[in-house]
């Protein structure tokens, strides 16, 4: 679904990744410039991921700071014995 905010077309999405849903958004501004916001965060619910993608995209269009996701995946550190 494409949404319009202040002249920009926003296409939010929620993609399944394992047991979570990843929020993403693409934008097309009035001047023809396209922007992908990439992976915005992981969520337990598809609806929450989609709504977060909308909030991030509208903040980006408005020039406001983007909201933070509920958590960030941590990559485990591998320690090497010397």
N, C-alpha and C. Protein backbone atom coordinates (compact mmCIF):
# COMPACT_ATOMS: atom_id res chain seq x y z
N UNK A 1 0.84 -1.17 0.00
CA UNK A 1 0.00 0.00 0.00
C UNK A 1 0.89 1.24 0.00
N UNK A 2 0.55 2.20 -0.82
CA UNK A 2 1.29 3.46 -0.89
C UNK A 2 0.51 4.52 -0.14
N UNK A 3 1.20 5.22 0.74
CA UNK A 3 0.61 6.32 1.50
C UNK A 3 1.26 7.62 1.05
N UNK A 4 0.55 8.73 1.19
CA UNK A 4 1.10 10.03 0.80
C UNK A 4 1.17 10.93 2.02
N UNK A 5 2.33 11.58 2.19
CA UNK A 5 2.54 12.48 3.32
C UNK A 5 3.34 13.67 2.82
N UNK A 6 2.75 14.85 2.87
CA UNK A 6 3.38 16.10 2.44
C UNK A 6 3.98 16.00 1.04
N UNK A 7 3.27 15.33 0.15
CA UNK A 7 3.69 15.23 -1.23
C UNK A 7 4.63 14.07 -1.53
N UNK A 8 5.03 13.34 -0.52
CA UNK A 8 5.92 12.19 -0.73
C UNK A 8 5.09 10.90 -0.71
N UNK A 9 5.42 10.00 -1.62
CA UNK A 9 4.78 8.68 -1.63
C UNK A 9 5.60 7.76 -0.74
N UNK A 10 4.95 7.11 0.20
CA UNK A 10 5.62 6.23 1.17
C UNK A 10 5.09 4.81 0.97
N UNK A 11 6.02 3.88 0.86
CA UNK A 11 5.64 2.47 0.76
C UNK A 11 6.27 1.72 1.94
N UNK A 12 5.51 1.59 3.05
CA UNK A 12 6.02 0.84 4.20
C UNK A 12 5.82 -0.66 3.98
N UNK A 13 6.63 -1.46 4.66
CA UNK A 13 6.46 -2.91 4.57
C UNK A 13 6.97 -3.57 5.85
N UNK A 14 6.49 -4.80 6.05
CA UNK A 14 6.93 -5.63 7.18
C UNK A 14 7.25 -7.00 6.61
N UNK A 15 8.52 -7.37 6.64
CA UNK A 15 8.97 -8.64 6.06
C UNK A 15 9.31 -9.62 7.17
N UNK A 16 8.89 -10.86 7.02
CA UNK A 16 9.20 -11.89 8.02
C UNK A 16 10.67 -12.26 7.92
N UNK A 17 11.31 -12.33 9.09
CA UNK A 17 12.70 -12.79 9.18
C UNK A 17 12.79 -13.69 10.41
N UNK A 18 12.80 -14.99 10.18
CA UNK A 18 12.79 -15.93 11.30
C UNK A 18 11.48 -15.82 12.06
N UNK A 19 11.59 -15.57 13.36
CA UNK A 19 10.40 -15.44 14.21
C UNK A 19 9.97 -14.00 14.41
N UNK A 20 10.58 -13.07 13.67
CA UNK A 20 10.25 -11.66 13.83
C UNK A 20 9.84 -11.06 12.48
N UNK A 21 9.41 -9.80 12.54
CA UNK A 21 9.08 -9.04 11.34
C UNK A 21 9.97 -7.81 11.31
N UNK A 22 10.54 -7.52 10.15
CA UNK A 22 11.44 -6.38 9.98
C UNK A 22 10.67 -5.25 9.30
N UNK A 23 10.73 -4.07 9.90
CA UNK A 23 10.09 -2.88 9.34
C UNK A 23 11.01 -2.25 8.30
N UNK A 24 10.44 -1.88 7.14
CA UNK A 24 11.19 -1.22 6.06
C UNK A 24 10.30 -0.16 5.44
N UNK A 25 10.92 0.81 4.76
CA UNK A 25 10.14 1.82 4.06
C UNK A 25 10.93 2.39 2.89
N UNK A 26 10.22 2.67 1.81
CA UNK A 26 10.78 3.35 0.64
C UNK A 26 9.96 4.60 0.41
N UNK A 27 10.62 5.67 -0.06
CA UNK A 27 9.93 6.93 -0.29
C UNK A 27 10.24 7.45 -1.69
N UNK A 28 9.28 8.16 -2.26
CA UNK A 28 9.47 8.86 -3.52
C UNK A 28 8.96 10.28 -3.30
N UNK A 29 9.90 11.24 -3.33
CA UNK A 29 9.53 12.64 -3.10
C UNK A 29 8.99 13.27 -4.37
N UNK A 30 8.39 14.43 -4.22
CA UNK A 30 7.77 15.14 -5.36
C UNK A 30 8.77 15.42 -6.47
N UNK A 31 10.03 15.66 -6.10
CA UNK A 31 11.04 15.98 -7.11
C UNK A 31 11.58 14.73 -7.82
N UNK A 32 11.06 13.55 -7.48
CA UNK A 32 11.46 12.31 -8.13
C UNK A 32 12.57 11.57 -7.42
N UNK A 33 13.09 12.14 -6.32
CA UNK A 33 14.15 11.48 -5.56
C UNK A 33 13.58 10.31 -4.77
N UNK A 34 14.20 9.14 -4.93
CA UNK A 34 13.73 7.97 -4.18
C UNK A 34 14.74 7.65 -3.08
N UNK A 35 14.21 7.19 -1.96
CA UNK A 35 15.03 6.86 -0.80
C UNK A 35 14.52 5.58 -0.17
N UNK A 36 15.43 4.69 0.16
CA UNK A 36 15.09 3.50 0.93
C UNK A 36 15.64 3.68 2.33
N UNK A 37 14.80 3.51 3.33
CA UNK A 37 15.26 3.67 4.71
C UNK A 37 15.87 2.39 5.25
N UNK A 38 15.80 1.31 4.48
CA UNK A 38 16.42 0.05 4.89
C UNK A 38 15.68 -0.61 6.04
N UNK A 39 16.38 -1.48 6.76
CA UNK A 39 15.79 -2.17 7.92
C UNK A 39 15.70 -1.19 9.09
N UNK A 40 14.50 -0.99 9.60
CA UNK A 40 14.27 -0.01 10.65
C UNK A 40 14.18 -0.61 12.04
N UNK A 41 13.92 -1.89 12.14
CA UNK A 41 13.81 -2.55 13.44
C UNK A 41 13.09 -3.87 13.32
N UNK A 42 13.21 -4.68 14.36
CA UNK A 42 12.56 -5.99 14.40
C UNK A 42 11.43 -5.97 15.41
N UNK A 43 10.33 -6.66 15.05
CA UNK A 43 9.13 -6.66 15.88
C UNK A 43 8.54 -8.05 15.94
N UNK A 44 7.81 -8.33 17.00
CA UNK A 44 7.15 -9.62 17.16
C UNK A 44 5.87 -9.70 16.33
N UNK A 45 5.32 -8.55 15.95
CA UNK A 45 4.05 -8.51 15.23
C UNK A 45 4.22 -7.81 13.88
N UNK A 46 3.56 -8.33 12.86
CA UNK A 46 3.61 -7.72 11.53
C UNK A 46 2.98 -6.33 11.56
N UNK A 47 1.90 -6.18 12.29
CA UNK A 47 1.21 -4.90 12.39
C UNK A 47 2.10 -3.84 13.03
N UNK A 48 2.78 -4.20 14.11
CA UNK A 48 3.67 -3.26 14.79
C UNK A 48 4.82 -2.84 13.88
N UNK A 49 5.38 -3.79 13.14
CA UNK A 49 6.47 -3.47 12.22
C UNK A 49 6.00 -2.51 11.14
N UNK A 50 4.82 -2.75 10.58
CA UNK A 50 4.27 -1.90 9.53
C UNK A 50 4.02 -0.48 10.06
N UNK A 51 3.41 -0.38 11.22
CA UNK A 51 3.11 0.94 11.80
C UNK A 51 4.39 1.69 12.14
N UNK A 52 5.43 0.99 12.59
CA UNK A 52 6.70 1.63 12.89
C UNK A 52 7.33 2.15 11.61
N UNK A 53 7.23 1.40 10.51
CA UNK A 53 7.76 1.84 9.22
C UNK A 53 7.08 3.14 8.78
N UNK A 54 5.77 3.23 8.99
CA UNK A 54 5.03 4.45 8.66
C UNK A 54 5.52 5.62 9.51
N UNK A 55 5.68 5.40 10.82
CA UNK A 55 6.15 6.48 11.71
C UNK A 55 7.54 6.96 11.32
N UNK A 56 8.44 6.03 10.98
CA UNK A 56 9.80 6.40 10.58
C UNK A 56 9.79 7.19 9.27
N UNK A 57 9.02 6.74 8.31
CA UNK A 57 8.97 7.40 7.01
C UNK A 57 8.40 8.82 7.13
N UNK A 58 7.34 8.99 7.91
CA UNK A 58 6.77 10.33 8.05
C UNK A 58 7.74 11.25 8.80
N UNK A 59 8.45 10.73 9.78
CA UNK A 59 9.46 11.53 10.48
C UNK A 59 10.57 11.95 9.52
N UNK A 60 10.99 11.04 8.65
CA UNK A 60 12.03 11.34 7.66
C UNK A 60 11.57 12.45 6.72
N UNK A 61 10.35 12.37 6.23
CA UNK A 61 9.80 13.39 5.33
C UNK A 61 9.71 14.74 6.05
N UNK A 62 9.32 14.73 7.32
CA UNK A 62 9.17 15.96 8.09
C UNK A 62 10.50 16.53 8.58
N UNK A 63 11.60 15.78 8.39
CA UNK A 63 12.90 16.25 8.85
C UNK A 63 13.09 16.11 10.35
N UNK A 64 12.31 15.25 10.98
CA UNK A 64 12.41 15.02 12.42
C UNK A 64 13.27 13.79 12.69
N UNK A 65 13.77 13.64 13.92
CA UNK A 65 14.53 12.43 14.26
C UNK A 65 13.63 11.20 14.15
N UNK A 66 14.19 10.13 13.62
CA UNK A 66 13.39 8.91 13.48
C UNK A 66 13.29 8.22 14.84
N UNK A 67 12.15 7.61 15.11
CA UNK A 67 11.97 6.92 16.39
C UNK A 67 12.89 5.72 16.49
N UNK A 68 13.18 5.32 17.72
CA UNK A 68 14.01 4.15 17.96
C UNK A 68 13.13 2.91 18.03
N UNK A 69 13.66 1.81 17.55
CA UNK A 69 12.95 0.55 17.62
C UNK A 69 12.89 0.04 19.05
N UNK A 70 12.06 -0.98 19.30
CA UNK A 70 11.92 -1.50 20.66
C UNK A 70 13.17 -2.19 21.19
N UNK A 71 13.97 -2.74 20.29
CA UNK A 71 15.23 -3.35 20.70
C UNK A 71 16.12 -3.47 19.48
N UNK A 72 17.40 -3.69 19.73
CA UNK A 72 18.33 -3.92 18.64
C UNK A 72 18.93 -5.30 18.82
N UNK A 73 19.01 -6.03 17.72
CA UNK A 73 19.63 -7.36 17.78
C UNK A 73 21.12 -7.19 18.06
N UNK A 74 21.61 -7.98 18.97
CA UNK A 74 23.02 -7.92 19.35
C UNK A 74 23.75 -9.09 18.70
N UNK A 75 24.83 -8.77 18.03
CA UNK A 75 25.65 -9.81 17.44
C UNK A 75 26.60 -10.33 18.51
N UNK A 76 26.60 -11.64 18.77
CA UNK A 76 27.46 -12.15 19.83
C UNK A 76 28.93 -11.96 19.48
N UNK A 77 29.71 -11.61 20.50
CA UNK A 77 31.16 -11.46 20.32
C UNK A 77 31.82 -12.81 20.50
N UNK A 78 32.76 -13.07 19.65
CA UNK A 78 33.52 -14.31 19.76
C UNK A 78 34.89 -13.94 20.29
N UNK A 79 35.21 -14.47 21.44
CA UNK A 79 36.50 -14.17 22.05
C UNK A 79 37.51 -15.22 21.62
N UNK A 80 38.69 -14.77 21.25
CA UNK A 80 39.76 -15.67 20.83
C UNK A 80 40.78 -15.76 21.95
N UNK A 81 41.08 -16.98 22.35
CA UNK A 81 42.07 -17.19 23.41
C UNK A 81 43.45 -16.96 22.83
N UNK A 82 44.30 -16.32 23.63
CA UNK A 82 45.69 -16.08 23.19
C UNK A 82 46.64 -17.00 23.89
